[in-house]
Amino acid sequence: MVGYPESITDPSYLGKILVQTYPLIGNYGVDPASFESDRPQIAGYAVSEACEKPSHVSSRKTLDAWLQENGIPGIAGIDTRALAKKLRVHGVMPGILAAGDEPADAAALFKELQGLPDPNDRDYVSEVSPREVRIVNPDGRKTVVLIDCGAKENIVRSLVRRGARVVRVPADTGFERIRSFAPAGIVVSNGPGDPKRCTAAIRTVQDLMRAKTPIFGICLGNQILALAAGGDTYKLKFGHRSQNQPCLEEGTERCYITSQNHGYAVDPRTLPRGWRPWFTNANDGTNEGLFHERDPCRSVQFHPEACPGPVDTEFLFDRFLESLP
C-alpha cells in the first residue's frame, strides 16, 4: 500500500486522527521527497499493523521513528476495518487514543473526550496557510497565483511541470495584492476545516470573479468558489477519503477515478443562475465540481494532482493553463 506519508503530511488532515484500513502500513519507510507539506499534520494515527523493518531504497527512517520525532501519537494492533465500518454508519466523530496492558477505563476516557475543545471552533486554514508570499519557478511562462489554504505540494509540482510561475500567497491575501503579481490565472487550493470560516478568501474570490480572472478551485477551493458565487455548503456525514472515488462528468458518459479528502460538500441546488455542476460522485450523488457558463471559473472537489493515486484527471491542469492568456 502506498500513500501513507502523503496522507500524514496532507494539510487537509490537520487535527484529525487518521485511520488506515490497509492491513500493513510503513512497509517502505519514510522519504521526505513524498511529503505534501513540511511536517505531519495529523493529530493521531491508527493502523492494524505497523511495519518495523521497512524495505525501500529511498527510505530514510521508519514510520514509528518519524511519528515519534514529531510528537504524533499512534496505535497499532486494532481492527481498523471494523472501526471504519462503525465510522461509515455513525459518521465522523471526536476520538481519543488509549493503549496499555490493562483494559481501558471507557468511562474515564469518555469523560476526557467530552472535555476536549470543539474542533469546529478551530480556524484550521490559518494554521496551515503560509505567512508570506513564496514564488516557485520564477522564470515560468505564465504566472499563476495559488491562494494557499493548505495546498498540497503536488499542486505546485503539477503547475511547475507545465511551465507555470507559481506565486503562493496566504489564504487571507486581498484582491489588490494578488493583482500586483499580474496573474494569468488563479488556483484556490485544498485545505482543512469548514469553508465558511474562510471569509477573507471568499471575499477575494468574489473580487477576482468580478474582474473576470480565470479561476480553478481544488477541493476546499471548490467550496470557496461556490460560496463566493452565492451558493451554500454543508458537512458530509463521513466525508470522502480514498484514492478510488468514481466521478461522472456531467453531460457525458465519462467516469473518472479520483483521489479525495474532504468532509464538506457544495449544495448545487443553491447555485445562482449561470453556474452548473461539472462532476458528480457516482457513489452518493454529491457535487464534485462546478463551472460558470460564461466566465472563466471552474473547480473540482477531488484532487487531480493525486500522487500516488489515479491520474485520470491530471489533464485538468493542462486545460486550465492552456486557457490562460
C-alpha atoms as a PDB file:
ATOM      1  CA  MET A   1       0.000   0.000   0.000  1.00  0.00           C
ATOM      2  CA  VAL A   2       1.393   3.407  -0.931  1.00  0.00           C
ATOM      3  CA  GLY A   3       0.421   6.911   0.097  1.00  0.00           C
ATOM      4  CA  TYR A   4       0.719   6.986   3.883  1.00  0.00           C
ATOM      5  CA  PRO A   5       3.482   9.684   4.001  1.00  0.00           C
ATOM      6  CA  GLU A   6       1.423  11.824   1.624  1.00  0.00           C
ATOM      7  CA  SER A   7      -1.721  11.388   3.736  1.00  0.00           C
ATOM      8  CA  ILE A   8       0.058  12.073   7.018  1.00  0.00           C
ATOM      9  CA  THR A   9       1.546  15.321   5.640  1.00  0.00           C
ATOM     10  CA  ASP A  10      -1.599  16.472   3.808  1.00  0.00           C
ATOM     11  CA  PRO A  11      -2.675  19.795   5.411  1.00  0.00           C
ATOM     12  CA  SER A  12      -6.316  18.812   4.855  1.00  0.00           C
ATOM     13  CA  TYR A  13      -5.868  16.226   7.643  1.00  0.00           C
ATOM     14  CA  LEU A  14      -4.782  18.823  10.213  1.00  0.00           C
ATOM     15  CA  GLY A  15      -6.056  17.933  13.674  1.00  0.00           C
ATOM     16  CA  LYS A  16      -7.575  14.592  12.660  1.00  0.00           C
ATOM     17  CA  ILE A  17      -6.958  11.033  13.816  1.00  0.00           C
ATOM     18  CA  LEU A  18      -6.213   9.162  10.598  1.00  0.00           C
ATOM     19  CA  VAL A  19      -7.393   5.531  10.424  1.00  0.00           C
ATOM     20  CA  GLN A  20      -5.812   3.327   7.724  1.00  0.00           C
ATOM     21  CA  THR A  21      -7.749   0.266   6.612  1.00  0.00           C
ATOM     22  CA  TYR A  22      -4.930  -1.374   4.649  1.00  0.00           C
ATOM     23  CA  PRO A  23      -3.582  -4.156   6.928  1.00  0.00           C
ATOM     24  CA  LEU A  24       0.145  -3.214   6.840  1.00  0.00           C
ATOM     25  CA  ILE A  25       1.436   0.353   6.990  1.00  0.00           C
ATOM     26  CA  GLY A  26       5.050   1.541   6.929  1.00  0.00           C
ATOM     27  CA  ASN A  27       6.409  -1.186   4.659  1.00  0.00           C
ATOM     28  CA  TYR A  28       8.515   1.220   2.550  1.00  0.00           C
ATOM     29  CA  GLY A  29       9.516   3.580   5.335  1.00  0.00           C
ATOM     30  CA  VAL A  30       9.543   7.362   5.093  1.00  0.00           C
ATOM     31  CA  ASP A  31      11.072   9.539   2.374  1.00  0.00           C
ATOM     32  CA  PRO A  32      10.726  13.355   2.655  1.00  0.00           C
ATOM     33  CA  ALA A  33      10.570  13.604  -1.146  1.00  0.00           C
ATOM     34  CA  SER A  34       7.000  12.285  -0.975  1.00  0.00           C
ATOM     35  CA  PHE A  35       5.721  14.771   1.622  1.00  0.00           C
ATOM     36  CA  GLU A  36       2.761  17.030   0.792  1.00  0.00           C
ATOM     37  CA  SER A  37       3.900  19.605   3.385  1.00  0.00           C
ATOM     38  CA  ASP A  38       6.931  20.117   5.600  1.00  0.00           C
ATOM     39  CA  ARG A  39       5.649  18.045   8.544  1.00  0.00           C
ATOM     40  CA  PRO A  40       2.977  15.587   9.711  1.00  0.00           C
ATOM     41  CA  GLN A  41      -0.384  17.325  10.032  1.00  0.00           C
ATOM     42  CA  ILE A  42      -2.454  14.647  11.749  1.00  0.00           C
ATOM     43  CA  ALA A  43      -3.269  14.589  15.473  1.00  0.00           C
ATOM     44  CA  GLY A  44      -3.121  10.795  15.764  1.00  0.00           C
ATOM     45  CA  TYR A  45      -2.627   7.637  13.728  1.00  0.00           C
ATOM     46  CA  ALA A  46      -4.367   4.252  13.888  1.00  0.00           C
ATOM     47  CA  VAL A  47      -3.194   1.184  11.950  1.00  0.00           C
ATOM     48  CA  SER A  48      -3.770  -2.536  12.064  1.00  0.00           C
ATOM     49  CA  GLU A  49      -0.087  -3.445  11.822  1.00  0.00           C
ATOM     50  CA  ALA A  50       2.956  -1.162  11.657  1.00  0.00           C
ATOM     51  CA  CYS A  51       5.984  -2.424   9.750  1.00  0.00           C
ATOM     52  CA  GLU A  52       9.095  -2.135  11.946  1.00  0.00           C
ATOM     53  CA  LYS A  53      11.627  -3.044   9.245  1.00  0.00           C
ATOM     54  CA  PRO A  54      10.792  -1.195   6.013  1.00  0.00           C
ATOM     55  CA  SER A  55      12.464  -2.105   2.756  1.00  0.00           C
ATOM     56  CA  HIS A  56      12.957   0.568   0.091  1.00  0.00           C
ATOM     57  CA  VAL A  57      15.998   2.275  -1.393  1.00  0.00           C
ATOM     58  CA  SER A  58      14.607   5.742  -0.666  1.00  0.00           C
ATOM     59  CA  SER A  59      13.588   5.052   2.942  1.00  0.00           C
ATOM     60  CA  ARG A  60      15.227   7.381   5.467  1.00  0.00           C
ATOM     61  CA  LYS A  61      13.556   6.179   8.675  1.00  0.00           C
ATOM     62  CA  THR A  62      10.740   4.014   9.989  1.00  0.00           C
ATOM     63  CA  LEU A  63       7.178   5.263  10.271  1.00  0.00           C
ATOM     64  CA  ASP A  64       7.312   4.860  14.057  1.00  0.00           C
ATOM     65  CA  ALA A  65      10.522   6.874  14.415  1.00  0.00           C
ATOM     66  CA  TRP A  66       9.155   9.666  12.211  1.00  0.00           C
ATOM     67  CA  LEU A  67       5.928   9.972  14.183  1.00  0.00           C
ATOM     68  CA  GLN A  68       7.812   9.950  17.489  1.00  0.00           C
ATOM     69  CA  GLU A  69      10.137  12.732  16.267  1.00  0.00           C
ATOM     70  CA  ASN A  70       7.116  14.887  15.546  1.00  0.00           C
ATOM     71  CA  GLY A  71       5.155  14.053  18.693  1.00  0.00           C
ATOM     72  CA  ILE A  72       2.330  12.293  16.854  1.00  0.00           C
ATOM     73  CA  PRO A  73       0.688   9.506  18.918  1.00  0.00           C
ATOM     74  CA  GLY A  74      -0.142   6.282  17.134  1.00  0.00           C
ATOM     75  CA  ILE A  75      -1.799   2.987  17.903  1.00  0.00           C
ATOM     76  CA  ALA A  76      -1.437  -0.426  16.232  1.00  0.00           C
ATOM     77  CA  GLY A  77      -2.909  -3.854  16.765  1.00  0.00           C
ATOM     78  CA  ILE A  78      -6.548  -2.872  16.351  1.00  0.00           C
ATOM     79  CA  ASP A  79      -9.083  -3.906  13.728  1.00  0.00           C
ATOM     80  CA  THR A  80      -9.109  -0.699  11.707  1.00  0.00           C
ATOM     81  CA  ARG A  81     -11.546  -2.115   9.159  1.00  0.00           C
ATOM     82  CA  ALA A  82     -14.107  -2.800  11.890  1.00  0.00           C
ATOM     83  CA  LEU A  83     -13.530   0.741  13.168  1.00  0.00           C
ATOM     84  CA  ALA A  84     -14.008   2.127   9.662  1.00  0.00           C
ATOM     85  CA  LYS A  85     -17.323   0.290   9.385  1.00  0.00           C
ATOM     86  CA  LYS A  86     -18.543   1.997  12.569  1.00  0.00           C
ATOM     87  CA  LEU A  87     -17.473   5.364  11.213  1.00  0.00           C
ATOM     88  CA  ARG A  88     -19.315   4.613   7.993  1.00  0.00           C
ATOM     89  CA  VAL A  89     -22.510   4.014   9.999  1.00  0.00           C
ATOM     90  CA  HIS A  90     -22.281   6.689  12.690  1.00  0.00           C
ATOM     91  CA  GLY A  91     -20.278   9.314  10.807  1.00  0.00           C
ATOM     92  CA  VAL A  92     -17.198  11.312  11.742  1.00  0.00           C
ATOM     93  CA  MET A  93     -16.923  11.820  15.495  1.00  0.00           C
ATOM     94  CA  PRO A  94     -14.406  13.046  18.093  1.00  0.00           C
ATOM     95  CA  GLY A  95     -11.887  10.403  19.088  1.00  0.00           C
ATOM     96  CA  ILE A  96      -9.177   9.654  21.614  1.00  0.00           C
ATOM     97  CA  LEU A  97      -6.286   7.169  21.532  1.00  0.00           C
ATOM     98  CA  ALA A  98      -5.537   4.912  24.513  1.00  0.00           C
ATOM     99  CA  ALA A  99      -3.142   1.986  24.843  1.00  0.00           C
ATOM    100  CA  GLY A 100      -1.792  -0.120  27.708  1.00  0.00           C
ATOM    101  CA  ASP A 101      -1.516  -3.553  29.257  1.00  0.00           C
ATOM    102  CA  GLU A 102      -4.686  -3.144  31.321  1.00  0.00           C
ATOM    103  CA  PRO A 103      -8.235  -2.819  29.918  1.00  0.00           C
ATOM    104  CA  ALA A 104      -9.129   0.790  29.236  1.00  0.00           C
ATOM    105  CA  ASP A 105     -11.464   2.682  31.561  1.00  0.00           C
ATOM    106  CA  ALA A 106     -14.102   3.579  28.998  1.00  0.00           C
ATOM    107  CA  ALA A 107     -15.984   5.916  31.341  1.00  0.00           C
ATOM    108  CA  ALA A 108     -12.834   7.910  32.173  1.00  0.00           C
ATOM    109  CA  LEU A 109     -11.854   8.148  28.512  1.00  0.00           C
ATOM    110  CA  PHE A 110     -15.328   9.305  27.532  1.00  0.00           C
ATOM    111  CA  LYS A 111     -15.218  11.990  30.230  1.00  0.00           C
ATOM    112  CA  GLU A 112     -11.827  13.142  28.945  1.00  0.00           C
ATOM    113  CA  LEU A 113     -13.195  13.210  25.402  1.00  0.00           C
ATOM    114  CA  GLN A 114     -16.122  15.402  26.452  1.00  0.00           C
ATOM    115  CA  GLY A 115     -13.678  17.919  27.880  1.00  0.00           C
ATOM    116  CA  LEU A 116     -11.832  18.432  24.597  1.00  0.00           C
ATOM    117  CA  PRO A 117     -12.380  21.687  22.657  1.00  0.00           C
ATOM    118  CA  ASP A 118     -14.957  21.635  19.873  1.00  0.00           C
ATOM    119  CA  PRO A 119     -12.918  21.064  16.667  1.00  0.00           C
ATOM    120  CA  ASN A 120     -15.490  23.070  14.698  1.00  0.00           C
ATOM    121  CA  ASP A 121     -14.422  26.204  16.588  1.00  0.00           C
ATOM    122  CA  ARG A 122     -10.856  25.963  15.276  1.00  0.00           C
ATOM    123  CA  ASP A 123      -9.611  28.045  12.347  1.00  0.00           C
ATOM    124  CA  TYR A 124      -7.608  25.308  10.643  1.00  0.00           C
ATOM    125  CA  VAL A 125      -6.759  27.200   7.455  1.00  0.00           C
ATOM    126  CA  SER A 126      -4.962  29.959   9.374  1.00  0.00           C
ATOM    127  CA  GLU A 127      -2.684  27.278  10.885  1.00  0.00           C
ATOM    128  CA  VAL A 128      -1.550  25.750   7.586  1.00  0.00           C
ATOM    129  CA  SER A 129      -1.605  28.733   5.233  1.00  0.00           C
ATOM    130  CA  PRO A 130       1.845  30.318   4.685  1.00  0.00           C
ATOM    131  CA  ARG A 131       2.661  33.566   6.474  1.00  0.00           C
ATOM    132  CA  GLU A 132       4.398  35.140   3.480  1.00  0.00           C
ATOM    133  CA  VAL A 133       4.467  35.052  -0.307  1.00  0.00           C
ATOM    134  CA  ARG A 134       6.596  32.344  -1.933  1.00  0.00           C
ATOM    135  CA  ILE A 135       7.486  32.212  -5.626  1.00  0.00           C
ATOM    136  CA  VAL A 136       8.249  28.867  -7.260  1.00  0.00           C
ATOM    137  CA  ASN A 137       9.784  28.590 -10.741  1.00  0.00           C
ATOM    138  CA  PRO A 138      10.267  32.379 -11.115  1.00  0.00           C
ATOM    139  CA  ASP A 139      11.158  32.059 -14.811  1.00  0.00           C
ATOM    140  CA  GLY A 140       7.924  30.281 -15.724  1.00  0.00           C
ATOM    141  CA  ARG A 141       5.982  31.293 -18.819  1.00  0.00           C
ATOM    142  CA  LYS A 142       2.644  32.149 -17.188  1.00  0.00           C
ATOM    143  CA  THR A 143       2.075  33.454 -13.667  1.00  0.00           C
ATOM    144  CA  VAL A 144      -0.435  31.538 -11.583  1.00  0.00           C
ATOM    145  CA  VAL A 145      -1.300  32.824  -8.121  1.00  0.00           C
ATOM    146  CA  LEU A 146      -2.041  29.968  -5.747  1.00  0.00           C
ATOM    147  CA  ILE A 147      -4.306  31.033  -2.878  1.00  0.00           C
ATOM    148  CA  ASP A 148      -2.754  28.656  -0.363  1.00  0.00           C
ATOM    149  CA  CYS A 149      -5.333  27.435   2.143  1.00  0.00           C
ATOM    150  CA  GLY A 150      -3.143  24.432   2.971  1.00  0.00           C
ATOM    151  CA  ALA A 151      -2.065  23.399  -0.510  1.00  0.00           C
ATOM    152  CA  LYS A 152      -0.577  20.002  -1.217  1.00  0.00           C
ATOM    153  CA  GLU A 153       2.909  20.258  -2.661  1.00  0.00           C
ATOM    154  CA  ASN A 154       1.891  18.223  -5.674  1.00  0.00           C
ATOM    155  CA  ILE A 155      -0.438  21.004  -6.807  1.00  0.00           C
ATOM    156  CA  VAL A 156       2.632  23.225  -7.064  1.00  0.00           C
ATOM    157  CA  ARG A 157       4.634  20.465  -8.769  1.00  0.00           C
ATOM    158  CA  SER A 158       1.820  19.875 -11.281  1.00  0.00           C
ATOM    159  CA  LEU A 159       1.764  23.558 -12.239  1.00  0.00           C
ATOM    160  CA  VAL A 160       5.554  23.882 -12.391  1.00  0.00           C
ATOM    161  CA  ARG A 161       5.901  20.778 -14.571  1.00  0.00           C
ATOM    162  CA  ARG A 162       3.710  22.567 -17.080  1.00  0.00           C
ATOM    163  CA  GLY A 163       5.936  25.643 -17.111  1.00  0.00           C
ATOM    164  CA  ALA A 164       3.977  27.927 -14.775  1.00  0.00           C
ATOM    165  CA  ARG A 165       5.449  30.535 -12.456  1.00  0.00           C
ATOM    166  CA  VAL A 166       3.635  29.869  -9.180  1.00  0.00           C
ATOM    167  CA  VAL A 167       3.105  32.639  -6.626  1.00  0.00           C
ATOM    168  CA  ARG A 168       1.906  31.071  -3.358  1.00  0.00           C
ATOM    169  CA  VAL A 169       0.048  33.620  -1.240  1.00  0.00           C
ATOM    170  CA  PRO A 170      -1.578  33.330   2.219  1.00  0.00           C
ATOM    171  CA  ALA A 171      -5.266  32.461   2.275  1.00  0.00           C
ATOM    172  CA  ASP A 172      -6.221  35.922   3.535  1.00  0.00           C
ATOM    173  CA  THR A 173      -4.428  37.825   0.755  1.00  0.00           C
ATOM    174  CA  GLY A 174      -6.577  40.611  -0.711  1.00  0.00           C
ATOM    175  CA  PHE A 175      -7.517  41.290  -4.317  1.00  0.00           C
ATOM    176  CA  GLU A 176      -5.181  44.252  -4.868  1.00  0.00           C
ATOM    177  CA  ARG A 177      -2.164  42.350  -3.553  1.00  0.00           C
ATOM    178  CA  ILE A 178      -2.938  39.405  -5.842  1.00  0.00           C
ATOM    179  CA  ARG A 179      -3.461  41.715  -8.805  1.00  0.00           C
ATOM    180  CA  SER A 180       0.019  43.227  -8.211  1.00  0.00           C
ATOM    181  CA  PHE A 181       1.543  39.937  -9.420  1.00  0.00           C
ATOM    182  CA  ALA A 182      -0.241  40.297 -12.802  1.00  0.00           C
ATOM    183  CA  PRO A 183      -1.525  36.713 -12.744  1.00  0.00           C
ATOM    184  CA  ALA A 184      -2.789  34.989 -15.844  1.00  0.00           C
ATOM    185  CA  GLY A 185      -4.903  32.788 -13.598  1.00  0.00           C
ATOM    186  CA  ILE A 186      -5.735  31.810 -10.030  1.00  0.00           C
ATOM    187  CA  VAL A 187      -5.755  28.429  -8.303  1.00  0.00           C
ATOM    188  CA  VAL A 188      -7.642  28.140  -4.995  1.00  0.00           C
ATOM    189  CA  SER A 189      -6.167  25.209  -3.094  1.00  0.00           C
ATOM    190  CA  ASN A 190      -7.353  22.444  -0.855  1.00  0.00           C
ATOM    191  CA  GLY A 191      -7.262  22.874   2.903  1.00  0.00           C
ATOM    192  CA  PRO A 192      -8.791  21.757   6.206  1.00  0.00           C
ATOM    193  CA  GLY A 193     -11.968  22.662   8.043  1.00  0.00           C
ATOM    194  CA  ASP A 194     -15.240  24.421   7.345  1.00  0.00           C
ATOM    195  CA  PRO A 195     -15.088  26.503   4.136  1.00  0.00           C
ATOM    196  CA  LYS A 196     -17.417  29.116   5.640  1.00  0.00           C
ATOM    197  CA  ARG A 197     -14.613  30.157   8.002  1.00  0.00           C
ATOM    198  CA  CYS A 198     -12.516  31.259   5.004  1.00  0.00           C
ATOM    199  CA  THR A 199     -14.204  34.661   4.861  1.00  0.00           C
ATOM    200  CA  ALA A 200     -11.179  36.569   3.545  1.00  0.00           C
ATOM    201  CA  ALA A 201     -10.578  34.063   0.740  1.00  0.00           C
ATOM    202  CA  ILE A 202     -14.269  34.123  -0.186  1.00  0.00           C
ATOM    203  CA  ARG A 203     -14.227  37.936  -0.485  1.00  0.00           C
ATOM    204  CA  THR A 204     -11.050  37.845  -2.582  1.00  0.00           C
ATOM    205  CA  VAL A 205     -12.500  35.225  -4.933  1.00  0.00           C
ATOM    206  CA  GLN A 206     -15.617  37.365  -5.334  1.00  0.00           C
ATOM    207  CA  ASP A 207     -13.428  40.303  -6.390  1.00  0.00           C
ATOM    208  CA  LEU A 208     -11.484  38.074  -8.782  1.00  0.00           C
ATOM    209  CA  MET A 209     -14.723  36.794 -10.293  1.00  0.00           C
ATOM    210  CA  ARG A 210     -15.949  40.357 -10.869  1.00  0.00           C
ATOM    211  CA  ALA A 211     -12.641  41.083 -12.616  1.00  0.00           C
ATOM    212  CA  LYS A 212     -13.217  38.057 -14.901  1.00  0.00           C
ATOM    213  CA  THR A 213      -9.935  36.472 -13.745  1.00  0.00           C
ATOM    214  CA  PRO A 214      -9.603  32.785 -14.714  1.00  0.00           C
ATOM    215  CA  ILE A 215     -10.019  30.644 -11.563  1.00  0.00           C
ATOM    216  CA  PHE A 216      -9.505  26.948 -10.922  1.00  0.00           C
ATOM    217  CA  GLY A 217     -10.508  25.601  -7.496  1.00  0.00           C
ATOM    218  CA  ILE A 218      -9.418  22.292  -5.972  1.00  0.00           C
ATOM    219  CA  CYS A 219     -11.217  20.570  -3.065  1.00  0.00           C
ATOM    220  CA  LEU A 220     -11.714  23.368  -0.494  1.00  0.00           C
ATOM    221  CA  GLY A 221     -11.271  25.665  -3.482  1.00  0.00           C
ATOM    222  CA  ASN A 222     -14.447  24.162  -4.985  1.00  0.00           C
ATOM    223  CA  GLN A 223     -16.373  25.054  -1.830  1.00  0.00           C
ATOM    224  CA  ILE A 224     -14.884  28.559  -1.609  1.00  0.00           C
ATOM    225  CA  LEU A 225     -15.805  29.215  -5.250  1.00  0.00           C
ATOM    226  CA  ALA A 226     -19.384  28.087  -4.584  1.00  0.00           C
ATOM    227  CA  LEU A 227     -19.686  30.306  -1.504  1.00  0.00           C
ATOM    228  CA  ALA A 228     -18.205  33.264  -3.390  1.00  0.00           C
ATOM    229  CA  ALA A 229     -20.798  32.727  -6.114  1.00  0.00           C
ATOM    230  CA  GLY A 230     -23.631  32.810  -3.567  1.00  0.00           C
ATOM    231  CA  GLY A 231     -24.124  29.072  -3.103  1.00  0.00           C
ATOM    232  CA  ASP A 232     -24.061  27.020   0.083  1.00  0.00           C
ATOM    233  CA  THR A 233     -22.025  24.157   1.573  1.00  0.00           C
ATOM    234  CA  TYR A 234     -22.777  21.501   4.179  1.00  0.00           C
ATOM    235  CA  LYS A 235     -20.903  18.941   6.264  1.00  0.00           C
ATOM    236  CA  LEU A 236     -20.925  15.362   4.999  1.00  0.00           C
ATOM    237  CA  LYS A 237     -21.739  12.543   7.414  1.00  0.00           C
ATOM    238  CA  PHE A 238     -18.384  10.823   6.949  1.00  0.00           C
ATOM    239  CA  GLY A 239     -16.696  12.559   4.040  1.00  0.00           C
ATOM    240  CA  HIS A 240     -14.777  11.101   1.119  1.00  0.00           C
ATOM    241  CA  ARG A 241     -11.320   9.710   1.927  1.00  0.00           C
ATOM    242  CA  SER A 242      -9.745   7.409  -0.636  1.00  0.00           C
ATOM    243  CA  GLN A 243      -7.986   7.018  -3.969  1.00  0.00           C
ATOM    244  CA  ASN A 244     -10.860   5.312  -5.781  1.00  0.00           C
ATOM    245  CA  GLN A 245     -13.846   7.671  -5.834  1.00  0.00           C
ATOM    246  CA  PRO A 246     -15.723   7.486  -9.190  1.00  0.00           C
ATOM    247  CA  CYS A 247     -16.859  10.817 -10.642  1.00  0.00           C
ATOM    248  CA  LEU A 248     -19.175  11.343 -13.592  1.00  0.00           C
ATOM    249  CA  GLU A 249     -18.628  14.313 -15.901  1.00  0.00           C
ATOM    250  CA  GLU A 250     -21.988  15.984 -16.420  1.00  0.00           C
ATOM    251  CA  GLY A 251     -23.319  15.891 -19.975  1.00  0.00           C
ATOM    252  CA  THR A 252     -21.058  12.984 -20.944  1.00  0.00           C
ATOM    253  CA  GLU A 253     -20.779   9.246 -20.322  1.00  0.00           C
ATOM    254  CA  ARG A 254     -17.269   9.600 -18.884  1.00  0.00           C
ATOM    255  CA  CYS A 255     -16.458   8.341 -15.396  1.00  0.00           C
ATOM    256  CA  TYR A 256     -13.106   9.171 -13.805  1.00  0.00           C
ATOM    257  CA  ILE A 257     -11.479   7.501 -10.799  1.00  0.00           C
ATOM    258  CA  THR A 258     -10.307  10.210  -8.407  1.00  0.00           C
ATOM    259  CA  SER A 259      -8.439  10.753  -5.163  1.00  0.00           C
ATOM    260  CA  GLN A 260     -10.409  12.608  -2.495  1.00  0.00           C
ATOM    261  CA  ASN A 261     -10.094  14.001   1.019  1.00  0.00           C
ATOM    262  CA  HIS A 262     -12.928  16.279   2.111  1.00  0.00           C
ATOM    263  CA  GLY A 263     -15.574  16.476   4.822  1.00  0.00           C
ATOM    264  CA  TYR A 264     -17.763  19.216   3.305  1.00  0.00           C
ATOM    265  CA  ALA A 265     -19.640  19.462   0.025  1.00  0.00           C
ATOM    266  CA  VAL A 266     -21.374  22.018  -2.187  1.00  0.00           C
ATOM    267  CA  ASP A 267     -25.167  22.016  -2.440  1.00  0.00           C
ATOM    268  CA  PRO A 268     -25.656  22.513  -6.196  1.00  0.00           C
ATOM    269  CA  ARG A 269     -29.320  23.424  -5.683  1.00  0.00           C
ATOM    270  CA  THR A 270     -28.204  26.718  -4.095  1.00  0.00           C
ATOM    271  CA  LEU A 271     -26.062  27.884  -7.024  1.00  0.00           C
ATOM    272  CA  PRO A 272     -27.269  31.034  -8.796  1.00  0.00           C
ATOM    273  CA  ARG A 273     -28.032  31.259 -12.488  1.00  0.00           C
ATOM    274  CA  GLY A 274     -25.045  30.753 -14.761  1.00  0.00           C
ATOM    275  CA  TRP A 275     -23.435  28.123 -12.538  1.00  0.00           C
ATOM    276  CA  ARG A 276     -23.663  24.419 -13.343  1.00  0.00           C
ATOM    277  CA  PRO A 277     -22.377  21.162 -11.828  1.00  0.00           C
ATOM    278  CA  TRP A 278     -19.318  19.852 -13.665  1.00  0.00           C
ATOM    279  CA  PHE A 279     -18.779  16.482 -11.949  1.00  0.00           C
ATOM    280  CA  THR A 280     -20.934  14.295  -9.686  1.00  0.00           C
ATOM    281  CA  ASN A 281     -19.890  11.483  -7.350  1.00  0.00           C
ATOM    282  CA  ALA A 282     -21.137   8.193  -8.791  1.00  0.00           C
ATOM    283  CA  ASN A 283     -21.450   6.622  -5.316  1.00  0.00           C
ATOM    284  CA  ASP A 284     -23.603   9.127  -3.438  1.00  0.00           C
ATOM    285  CA  GLY A 285     -24.567  11.801  -5.982  1.00  0.00           C
ATOM    286  CA  THR A 286     -22.753  14.642  -4.201  1.00  0.00           C
ATOM    287  CA  ASN A 287     -21.247  17.526  -6.125  1.00  0.00           C
ATOM    288  CA  GLU A 288     -17.678  17.065  -7.409  1.00  0.00           C
ATOM    289  CA  GLY A 289     -17.155  20.235  -9.424  1.00  0.00           C
ATOM    290  CA  LEU A 290     -18.599  23.469 -10.803  1.00  0.00           C
ATOM    291  CA  PHE A 291     -18.246  25.732 -13.803  1.00  0.00           C
ATOM    292  CA  HIS A 292     -19.697  29.030 -14.970  1.00  0.00           C
ATOM    293  CA  GLU A 293     -21.420  29.088 -18.341  1.00  0.00           C
ATOM    294  CA  ARG A 294     -19.759  32.341 -19.467  1.00  0.00           C
ATOM    295  CA  ASP A 295     -16.995  33.353 -17.049  1.00  0.00           C
ATOM    296  CA  PRO A 296     -13.622  31.534 -16.764  1.00  0.00           C
ATOM    297  CA  CYS A 297     -14.332  29.890 -13.402  1.00  0.00           C
ATOM    298  CA  ARG A 298     -14.104  26.144 -12.762  1.00  0.00           C
ATOM    299  CA  SER A 299     -13.445  23.910  -9.804  1.00  0.00           C
ATOM    300  CA  VAL A 300     -13.304  20.278  -8.740  1.00  0.00           C
ATOM    301  CA  GLN A 301     -13.927  18.659  -5.371  1.00  0.00           C
ATOM    302  CA  PHE A 302     -11.407  15.874  -5.995  1.00  0.00           C
ATOM    303  CA  HIS A 303      -7.613  16.052  -6.370  1.00  0.00           C
ATOM    304  CA  PRO A 304      -6.373  15.993  -9.988  1.00  0.00           C
ATOM    305  CA  GLU A 305      -2.787  16.243  -8.648  1.00  0.00           C
ATOM    306  CA  ALA A 306      -3.111  12.927  -6.753  1.00  0.00           C
ATOM    307  CA  CYS A 307       0.257  11.242  -6.225  1.00  0.00           C
ATOM    308  CA  PRO A 308       0.272   8.419  -5.584  1.00  0.00           C
ATOM    309  CA  GLY A 309      -3.184   7.757  -6.882  1.00  0.00           C
ATOM    310  CA  PRO A 310      -5.195   7.802 -10.093  1.00  0.00           C
ATOM    311  CA  VAL A 311      -4.012  10.233 -12.782  1.00  0.00           C
ATOM    312  CA  ASP A 312      -7.280  10.151 -14.732  1.00  0.00           C
ATOM    313  CA  THR A 313      -7.954  13.858 -14.185  1.00  0.00           C
ATOM    314  CA  GLU A 314      -4.433  15.289 -14.298  1.00  0.00           C
ATOM    315  CA  PHE A 315      -5.297  16.691 -17.726  1.00  0.00           C
ATOM    316  CA  LEU A 316      -7.359  19.378 -15.979  1.00  0.00           C
ATOM    317  CA  PHE A 317      -4.126  21.242 -15.203  1.00  0.00           C
ATOM    318  CA  ASP A 318      -3.340  21.230 -18.944  1.00  0.00           C
ATOM    319  CA  ARG A 319      -6.792  22.557 -19.775  1.00  0.00           C
ATOM    320  CA  PHE A 320      -6.518  25.313 -17.190  1.00  0.00           C
ATOM    321  CA  LEU A 321      -3.081  26.519 -18.278  1.00  0.00           C
ATOM    322  CA  GLU A 322      -3.942  26.299 -21.975  1.00  0.00           C
ATOM    323  CA  SER A 323      -6.990  28.506 -21.354  1.00  0.00           C
ATOM    324  CA  LEU A 324      -4.916  31.305 -19.815  1.00  0.00           C
ATOM    325  CA  PRO A 325      -3.951  34.358 -21.858  1.00  0.00           C
END
